[in-house]
PDB file of N, CA and C in Angstrom:
ATOM      1  N   MET A   1      -2.667 -81.334 100.380  1.00  0.00           N
ATOM      2  CA  MET A   1      -4.294 -80.961  99.584  1.00  0.00           C
ATOM      3  C   MET A   1      -3.781 -79.141  99.522  1.00  0.00           C
ATOM      4  N   SER A   2      -4.259 -79.049  98.090  1.00  0.00           N
ATOM      5  CA  SER A   2      -4.203 -77.444  97.547  1.00  0.00           C
ATOM      6  C   SER A   2      -6.127 -76.943  98.478  1.00  0.00           C
ATOM      7  N   THR A   3      -5.462 -76.024  98.655  1.00  0.00           N
ATOM      8  CA  THR A   3      -7.085 -75.481  99.648  1.00  0.00           C
ATOM      9  C   THR A   3      -7.404 -73.895  99.125  1.00  0.00           C
ATOM     10  N   PHE A   4      -8.401 -73.211  99.303  1.00  0.00           N
ATOM     11  CA  PHE A   4      -8.744 -72.093  98.842  1.00  0.00           C
ATOM     12  C   PHE A   4      -9.454 -71.004 100.526  1.00  0.00           C
ATOM     13  N   ILE A   5      -9.081 -70.349 100.457  1.00  0.00           N
ATOM     14  CA  ILE A   5      -9.424 -69.222 101.337  1.00  0.00           C
ATOM     15  C   ILE A   5     -11.005 -69.427 101.103  1.00  0.00           C
ATOM     16  N   LEU A   6     -11.976 -69.397 102.198  1.00  0.00           N
ATOM     17  CA  LEU A   6     -13.405 -68.561 102.296  1.00  0.00           C
ATOM     18  C   LEU A   6     -14.295 -68.535 103.090  1.00  0.00           C
ATOM     19  N   GLU A   7     -14.999 -67.728 103.077  1.00  0.00           N
ATOM     20  CA  GLU A   7     -15.979 -66.811 103.636  1.00  0.00           C
ATOM     21  C   GLU A   7     -16.888 -67.011 103.627  1.00  0.00           C
ATOM     22  N   ILE A   8     -17.985 -67.630 104.877  1.00  0.00           N
ATOM     23  CA  ILE A   8     -19.493 -67.565 104.511  1.00  0.00           C
ATOM     24  C   ILE A   8     -19.831 -66.588 105.857  1.00  0.00           C
ATOM     25  N   LEU A   9     -20.972 -65.649 105.535  1.00  0.00           N
ATOM     26  CA  LEU A   9     -21.443 -64.553 105.980  1.00  0.00           C
ATOM     27  C   LEU A   9     -22.575 -64.604 106.105  1.00  0.00           C
ATOM     28  N   THR A  10     -23.324 -63.971 107.010  1.00  0.00           N
ATOM     29  CA  THR A  10     -24.723 -63.644 107.090  1.00  0.00           C
ATOM     30  C   THR A  10     -24.801 -62.434 107.394  1.00  0.00           C
ATOM     31  N   PRO A  11     -25.724 -61.270 106.847  1.00  0.00           N
ATOM     32  CA  PRO A  11     -26.134 -60.141 106.838  1.00  0.00           C
ATOM     33  C   PRO A  11     -25.026 -59.277 108.920  1.00  0.00           C
ATOM     34  N   ASP A  12     -25.663 -60.845 109.066  1.00  0.00           N
ATOM     35  CA  ASP A  12     -25.796 -60.185 110.952  1.00  0.00           C
ATOM     36  C   ASP A  12     -24.491 -60.846 111.343  1.00  0.00           C
ATOM     37  N   LYS A  13     -23.321 -62.160 111.040  1.00  0.00           N
ATOM     38  CA  LYS A  13     -22.866 -62.525 111.574  1.00  0.00           C
ATOM     39  C   LYS A  13     -21.730 -63.325 110.069  1.00  0.00           C
ATOM     40  N   LEU A  14     -20.436 -63.951 110.719  1.00  0.00           N
ATOM     41  CA  LEU A  14     -19.641 -64.715 110.380  1.00  0.00           C
ATOM     42  C   LEU A  14     -19.693 -66.437 110.641  1.00  0.00           C
ATOM     43  N   LEU A  15     -20.224 -66.936 108.789  1.00  0.00           N
ATOM     44  CA  LEU A  15     -20.458 -68.178 110.062  1.00  0.00           C
ATOM     45  C   LEU A  15     -18.971 -69.563 109.513  1.00  0.00           C
ATOM     46  N   PHE A  16     -18.378 -68.765 108.382  1.00  0.00           N
ATOM     47  CA  PHE A  16     -17.166 -69.517 108.974  1.00  0.00           C
ATOM     48  C   PHE A  16     -16.244 -68.613 107.864  1.00  0.00           C
ATOM     49  N   GLN A  17     -15.383 -68.899 108.129  1.00  0.00           N
ATOM     50  CA  GLN A  17     -13.710 -68.198 107.694  1.00  0.00           C
ATOM     51  C   GLN A  17     -13.135 -69.376 107.991  1.00  0.00           C
ATOM     52  N   GLY A  18     -12.002 -69.717 107.330  1.00  0.00           N
ATOM     53  CA  GLY A  18     -11.070 -70.602 107.161  1.00  0.00           C
ATOM     54  C   GLY A  18     -10.490 -71.230 105.883  1.00  0.00           C
ATOM     55  N   ARG A  19     -10.159 -72.286 105.405  1.00  0.00           N
ATOM     56  CA  ARG A  19      -9.482 -72.908 104.365  1.00  0.00           C
ATOM     57  C   ARG A  19     -10.151 -73.990 104.247  1.00  0.00           C
ATOM     58  N   ALA A  20     -10.346 -73.853 102.780  1.00  0.00           N
ATOM     59  CA  ALA A  20     -11.065 -75.231 102.142  1.00  0.00           C
ATOM     60  C   ALA A  20     -10.847 -75.527 100.890  1.00  0.00           C
ATOM     61  N   SER A  21     -10.939 -77.467 100.784  1.00  0.00           N
ATOM     62  CA  SER A  21     -10.464 -78.332  99.841  1.00  0.00           C
ATOM     63  C   SER A  21     -11.828 -78.024  99.173  1.00  0.00           C
ATOM     64  N   ALA A  22     -13.141 -77.509  99.162  1.00  0.00           N
ATOM     65  CA  ALA A  22     -14.183 -77.879  97.759  1.00  0.00           C
ATOM     66  C   ALA A  22     -15.745 -77.330  98.862  1.00  0.00           C
ATOM     67  N   LEU A  23     -16.193 -76.658  98.021  1.00  0.00           N
ATOM     68  CA  LEU A  23     -17.524 -75.861  98.229  1.00  0.00           C
ATOM     69  C   LEU A  23     -18.515 -76.098  97.007  1.00  0.00           C
ATOM     70  N   SER A  24     -19.689 -76.342  97.440  1.00  0.00           N
ATOM     71  CA  SER A  24     -20.475 -77.139  96.238  1.00  0.00           C
ATOM     72  C   SER A  24     -21.388 -76.761  96.814  1.00  0.00           C
ATOM     73  N   VAL A  25     -22.497 -75.645  95.846  1.00  0.00           N
ATOM     74  CA  VAL A  25     -23.540 -74.947  96.245  1.00  0.00           C
ATOM     75  C   VAL A  25     -24.559 -74.957  95.153  1.00  0.00           C
ATOM     76  N   LYS A  26     -25.972 -74.455  95.361  1.00  0.00           N
ATOM     77  CA  LYS A  26     -26.458 -74.691  94.212  1.00  0.00           C
ATOM     78  C   LYS A  26     -27.142 -73.539  93.708  1.00  0.00           C
ATOM     79  N   ALA A  27     -26.778 -73.129  92.634  1.00  0.00           N
ATOM     80  CA  ALA A  27     -26.925 -71.639  92.012  1.00  0.00           C
ATOM     81  C   ALA A  27     -28.253 -71.729  91.328  1.00  0.00           C
ATOM     82  N   VAL A  28     -28.579 -70.169  90.736  1.00  0.00           N
ATOM     83  CA  VAL A  28     -30.144 -70.276  90.241  1.00  0.00           C
ATOM     84  C   VAL A  28     -29.617 -71.181  88.415  1.00  0.00           C
ATOM     85  N   ASP A  29     -28.779 -71.158  88.586  1.00  0.00           N
ATOM     86  CA  ASP A  29     -28.414 -72.734  86.966  1.00  0.00           C
ATOM     87  C   ASP A  29     -27.765 -73.686  87.338  1.00  0.00           C
ATOM     88  N   GLY A  30     -27.994 -74.446  88.556  1.00  0.00           N
ATOM     89  CA  GLY A  30     -27.639 -75.455  88.755  1.00  0.00           C
ATOM     90  C   GLY A  30     -26.296 -75.586  89.950  1.00  0.00           C
ATOM     91  N   TRP A  31     -25.810 -76.580  90.066  1.00  0.00           N
ATOM     92  CA  TRP A  31     -25.424 -77.058  91.084  1.00  0.00           C
ATOM     93  C   TRP A  31     -23.674 -76.626  90.532  1.00  0.00           C
ATOM     94  N   LEU A  32     -23.362 -75.863  91.468  1.00  0.00           N
ATOM     95  CA  LEU A  32     -21.495 -75.599  91.322  1.00  0.00           C
ATOM     96  C   LEU A  32     -20.528 -76.492  92.334  1.00  0.00           C
ATOM     97  N   GLN A  33     -19.557 -77.091  91.985  1.00  0.00           N
ATOM     98  CA  GLN A  33     -17.958 -76.770  92.543  1.00  0.00           C
ATOM     99  C   GLN A  33     -17.219 -75.971  92.554  1.00  0.00           C
ATOM    100  N   VAL A  34     -16.835 -75.124  94.016  1.00  0.00           N
ATOM    101  CA  VAL A  34     -15.889 -74.816  93.612  1.00  0.00           C
ATOM    102  C   VAL A  34     -14.518 -75.757  94.154  1.00  0.00           C
ATOM    103  N   LEU A  35     -13.725 -75.724  93.705  1.00  0.00           N
ATOM    104  CA  LEU A  35     -11.881 -76.100  94.059  1.00  0.00           C
ATOM    105  C   LEU A  35     -11.373 -75.106  93.881  1.00  0.00           C
ATOM    106  N   PRO A  36     -10.085 -75.330  94.226  1.00  0.00           N
ATOM    107  CA  PRO A  36      -8.935 -74.226  94.562  1.00  0.00           C
ATOM    108  C   PRO A  36      -8.314 -74.233  92.894  1.00  0.00           C
ATOM    109  N   ARG A  37      -8.277 -72.692  92.761  1.00  0.00           N
ATOM    110  CA  ARG A  37      -8.026 -72.634  91.594  1.00  0.00           C
ATOM    111  C   ARG A  37      -8.857 -72.015  90.684  1.00  0.00           C
ATOM    112  N   HIS A  38     -10.130 -72.296  91.001  1.00  0.00           N
ATOM    113  CA  HIS A  38     -10.984 -72.117  90.366  1.00  0.00           C
ATOM    114  C   HIS A  38     -11.221 -70.419  89.048  1.00  0.00           C
ATOM    115  N   ALA A  39     -11.662 -70.257  88.097  1.00  0.00           N
ATOM    116  CA  ALA A  39     -12.082 -69.394  87.426  1.00  0.00           C
ATOM    117  C   ALA A  39     -12.669 -68.393  88.698  1.00  0.00           C
ATOM    118  N   ASN A  40     -12.119 -66.761  88.057  1.00  0.00           N
ATOM    119  CA  ASN A  40     -13.144 -65.972  88.770  1.00  0.00           C
ATOM    120  C   ASN A  40     -14.213 -66.059  87.998  1.00  0.00           C
ATOM    121  N   TYR A  41     -15.533 -65.788  89.132  1.00  0.00           N
ATOM    122  CA  TYR A  41     -16.787 -66.408  89.147  1.00  0.00           C
ATOM    123  C   TYR A  41     -17.331 -65.819  89.745  1.00  0.00           C
ATOM    124  N   MET A  42     -19.118 -65.276  89.346  1.00  0.00           N
ATOM    125  CA  MET A  42     -20.240 -64.884  90.414  1.00  0.00           C
ATOM    126  C   MET A  42     -21.445 -65.156  90.263  1.00  0.00           C
ATOM    127  N   ASN A  43     -22.269 -65.817  91.244  1.00  0.00           N
ATOM    128  CA  ASN A  43     -23.428 -65.682  90.955  1.00  0.00           C
ATOM    129  C   ASN A  43     -24.560 -65.831  91.990  1.00  0.00           C
ATOM    130  N   LEU A  44     -25.893 -66.059  91.972  1.00  0.00           N
ATOM    131  CA  LEU A  44     -26.648 -65.886  92.431  1.00  0.00           C
ATOM    132  C   LEU A  44     -26.880 -67.095  93.001  1.00  0.00           C
ATOM    133  N   LEU A  45     -27.066 -67.518  94.754  1.00  0.00           N
ATOM    134  CA  LEU A  45     -27.495 -68.969  95.119  1.00  0.00           C
ATOM    135  C   LEU A  45     -29.155 -69.097  95.118  1.00  0.00           C
ATOM    136  N   THR A  46     -29.610 -69.916  95.145  1.00  0.00           N
ATOM    137  CA  THR A  46     -30.852 -70.443  95.388  1.00  0.00           C
ATOM    138  C   THR A  46     -31.056 -71.209  96.747  1.00  0.00           C
ATOM    139  N   ALA A  47     -32.020 -71.247  97.550  1.00  0.00           N
ATOM    140  CA  ALA A  47     -32.001 -71.331  99.262  1.00  0.00           C
ATOM    141  C   ALA A  47     -31.720 -72.743  99.104  1.00  0.00           C
ATOM    142  N   GLY A  48     -30.958 -73.457  99.742  1.00  0.00           N
ATOM    143  CA  GLY A  48     -30.782 -75.104 100.458  1.00  0.00           C
ATOM    144  C   GLY A  48     -29.765 -75.057 101.261  1.00  0.00           C
ATOM    145  N   GLU A  49     -29.005 -75.835 100.831  1.00  0.00           N
ATOM    146  CA  GLU A  49     -27.240 -76.121 101.641  1.00  0.00           C
ATOM    147  C   GLU A  49     -26.085 -75.973 100.753  1.00  0.00           C
ATOM    148  N   LEU A  50     -25.341 -75.163 101.642  1.00  0.00           N
ATOM    149  CA  LEU A  50     -24.086 -75.401 101.371  1.00  0.00           C
ATOM    150  C   LEU A  50     -23.218 -76.778 101.647  1.00  0.00           C
ATOM    151  N   ARG A  51     -22.368 -76.961 100.649  1.00  0.00           N
ATOM    152  CA  ARG A  51     -21.545 -78.164 101.484  1.00  0.00           C
ATOM    153  C   ARG A  51     -20.359 -77.843 101.894  1.00  0.00           C
ATOM    154  N   LEU A  52     -19.519 -78.330 102.458  1.00  0.00           N
ATOM    155  CA  LEU A  52     -18.151 -77.372 102.015  1.00  0.00           C
ATOM    156  C   LEU A  52     -16.967 -78.609 102.976  1.00  0.00           C
ATOM    157  N   GLN A  53     -16.051 -78.864 102.311  1.00  0.00           N
ATOM    158  CA  GLN A  53     -15.025 -79.966 102.633  1.00  0.00           C
ATOM    159  C   GLN A  53     -13.726 -78.141 103.126  1.00  0.00           C
ATOM    160  N   THR A  54     -13.215 -78.755 104.740  1.00  0.00           N
ATOM    161  CA  THR A  54     -12.415 -77.732 104.871  1.00  0.00           C
ATOM    162  C   THR A  54     -10.924 -78.993 105.019  1.00  0.00           C
ATOM    163  N   GLU A  55     -10.024 -78.001 105.438  1.00  0.00           N
ATOM    164  CA  GLU A  55      -8.277 -78.452 105.055  1.00  0.00           C
ATOM    165  C   GLU A  55      -7.859 -79.742 105.850  1.00  0.00           C
ATOM    166  N   ASP A  56      -8.537 -80.005 106.990  1.00  0.00           N
ATOM    167  CA  ASP A  56      -8.520 -81.274 107.723  1.00  0.00           C
ATOM    168  C   ASP A  56      -9.191 -82.477 107.675  1.00  0.00           C
ATOM    169  N   ASP A  57     -10.276 -82.381 106.071  1.00  0.00           N
ATOM    170  CA  ASP A  57     -11.020 -82.949 105.456  1.00  0.00           C
ATOM    171  C   ASP A  57     -12.521 -82.969 106.536  1.00  0.00           C
ATOM    172  N   THR A  58     -12.370 -81.869 107.212  1.00  0.00           N
ATOM    173  CA  THR A  58     -14.037 -81.920 108.108  1.00  0.00           C
ATOM    174  C   THR A  58     -15.128 -81.355 107.097  1.00  0.00           C
ATOM    175  N   ARG A  59     -16.092 -82.504 107.076  1.00  0.00           N
ATOM    176  CA  ARG A  59     -17.290 -82.203 105.648  1.00  0.00           C
ATOM    177  C   ARG A  59     -18.528 -81.148 106.562  1.00  0.00           C
ATOM    178  N   LEU A  60     -18.676 -79.699 105.677  1.00  0.00           N
ATOM    179  CA  LEU A  60     -19.638 -79.257 106.981  1.00  0.00           C
ATOM    180  C   LEU A  60     -21.056 -78.983 105.578  1.00  0.00           C
ATOM    181  N   LYS A  61     -22.465 -79.036 106.735  1.00  0.00           N
ATOM    182  CA  LYS A  61     -23.326 -78.799 105.946  1.00  0.00           C
ATOM    183  C   LYS A  61     -24.272 -77.252 106.244  1.00  0.00           C
ATOM    184  N   ILE A  62     -24.593 -76.141 105.387  1.00  0.00           N
ATOM    185  CA  ILE A  62     -25.546 -75.011 106.413  1.00  0.00           C
ATOM    186  C   ILE A  62     -26.411 -74.615 105.043  1.00  0.00           C
ATOM    187  N   GLN A  63     -27.467 -74.907 106.124  1.00  0.00           N
ATOM    188  CA  GLN A  63     -28.770 -74.205 105.452  1.00  0.00           C
ATOM    189  C   GLN A  63     -28.622 -73.027 105.175  1.00  0.00           C
ATOM    190  N   HIS A  64     -29.331 -72.195 103.831  1.00  0.00           N
ATOM    191  CA  HIS A  64     -29.363 -70.731 103.910  1.00  0.00           C
ATOM    192  C   HIS A  64     -30.663 -70.455 102.951  1.00  0.00           C
ATOM    193  N   GLY A  65     -30.933 -69.073 102.605  1.00  0.00           N
ATOM    194  CA  GLY A  65     -32.632 -68.837 102.268  1.00  0.00           C
ATOM    195  C   GLY A  65     -31.562 -68.316 101.065  1.00  0.00           C
ATOM    196  N   GLY A  66     -30.709 -68.848 100.227  1.00  0.00           N
ATOM    197  CA  GLY A  66     -30.503 -67.802  98.871  1.00  0.00           C
ATOM    198  C   GLY A  66     -29.332 -66.545  99.654  1.00  0.00           C
ATOM    199  N   GLY A  67     -28.700 -66.325  98.355  1.00  0.00           N
ATOM    200  CA  GLY A  67     -27.041 -65.937  98.875  1.00  0.00           C
ATOM    201  C   GLY A  67     -26.877 -65.450  97.653  1.00  0.00           C
ATOM    202  N   VAL A  68     -25.245 -64.887  97.216  1.00  0.00           N
ATOM    203  CA  VAL A  68     -24.517 -64.805  96.207  1.00  0.00           C
ATOM    204  C   VAL A  68     -22.886 -65.289  96.316  1.00  0.00           C
ATOM    205  N   LEU A  69     -22.649 -66.082  95.561  1.00  0.00           N
ATOM    206  CA  LEU A  69     -21.303 -66.241  95.742  1.00  0.00           C
ATOM    207  C   LEU A  69     -20.404 -65.787  94.577  1.00  0.00           C
ATOM    208  N   GLU A  70     -19.275 -65.298  95.447  1.00  0.00           N
ATOM    209  CA  GLU A  70     -17.938 -65.018  94.728  1.00  0.00           C
ATOM    210  C   GLU A  70     -16.545 -64.829  94.664  1.00  0.00           C
ATOM    211  N   VAL A  71     -16.216 -65.704  93.521  1.00  0.00           N
ATOM    212  CA  VAL A  71     -15.017 -66.464  93.414  1.00  0.00           C
ATOM    213  C   VAL A  71     -13.646 -65.715  93.183  1.00  0.00           C
ATOM    214  N   SER A  72     -13.121 -65.116  93.656  1.00  0.00           N
ATOM    215  CA  SER A  72     -11.821 -64.033  93.034  1.00  0.00           C
ATOM    216  C   SER A  72     -10.705 -65.161  93.406  1.00  0.00           C
ATOM    217  N   LYS A  73      -9.366 -64.622  92.650  1.00  0.00           N
ATOM    218  CA  LYS A  73      -8.191 -65.232  92.831  1.00  0.00           C
ATOM    219  C   LYS A  73      -7.803 -65.755  94.355  1.00  0.00           C
ATOM    220  N   GLU A  74      -8.340 -64.525  95.031  1.00  0.00           N
ATOM    221  CA  GLU A  74      -7.356 -64.084  96.645  1.00  0.00           C
ATOM    222  C   GLU A  74      -8.622 -65.034  97.460  1.00  0.00           C
ATOM    223  N   LYS A  75     -10.008 -65.443  97.195  1.00  0.00           N
ATOM    224  CA  LYS A  75     -11.022 -65.854  98.196  1.00  0.00           C
ATOM    225  C   LYS A  75     -12.029 -66.462  97.680  1.00  0.00           C
ATOM    226  N   VAL A  76     -12.346 -67.058  98.177  1.00  0.00           N
ATOM    227  CA  VAL A  76     -14.270 -67.362  97.597  1.00  0.00           C
ATOM    228  C   VAL A  76     -15.026 -66.840  98.738  1.00  0.00           C
ATOM    229  N   SER A  77     -15.914 -65.846  98.848  1.00  0.00           N
ATOM    230  CA  SER A  77     -17.040 -65.026  99.358  1.00  0.00           C
ATOM    231  C   SER A  77     -18.544 -65.759  99.355  1.00  0.00           C
ATOM    232  N   VAL A  78     -19.486 -65.853 100.582  1.00  0.00           N
ATOM    233  CA  VAL A  78     -20.634 -66.737 100.029  1.00  0.00           C
ATOM    234  C   VAL A  78     -20.879 -65.688 101.436  1.00  0.00           C
ATOM    235  N   LEU A  79     -22.160 -64.868 100.988  1.00  0.00           N
ATOM    236  CA  LEU A  79     -23.173 -63.962 101.447  1.00  0.00           C
ATOM    237  C   LEU A  79     -24.468 -64.618 101.677  1.00  0.00           C
ATOM    238  N   VAL A  80     -24.862 -65.275 102.712  1.00  0.00           N
ATOM    239  CA  VAL A  80     -26.170 -65.789 102.627  1.00  0.00           C
ATOM    240  C   VAL A  80     -27.303 -65.529 103.159  1.00  0.00           C
ATOM    241  N   SER A  81     -28.756 -65.660 103.555  1.00  0.00           N
ATOM    242  CA  SER A  81     -29.452 -65.298 104.149  1.00  0.00           C
ATOM    243  C   SER A  81     -30.189 -66.098 105.363  1.00  0.00           C
TER     244      SER A  81
END
């Protein structure tokens, strides 16, 4: 299974760091799913829920108050409040 490096951070702590096979987030212009080899991308996130699937097929949900998503060739970073 193809994966990507994912970091989910708040200003105070690291919530998740590891490999993921999918990430779903609600951006200001609607829902977005990030998969391995996604194009470089950056957007603002609205308050709600992040949904991720780890490399071992575990599914996690994280509630947040909004933030920023950055997808690059090296990793996916999410900064949330």
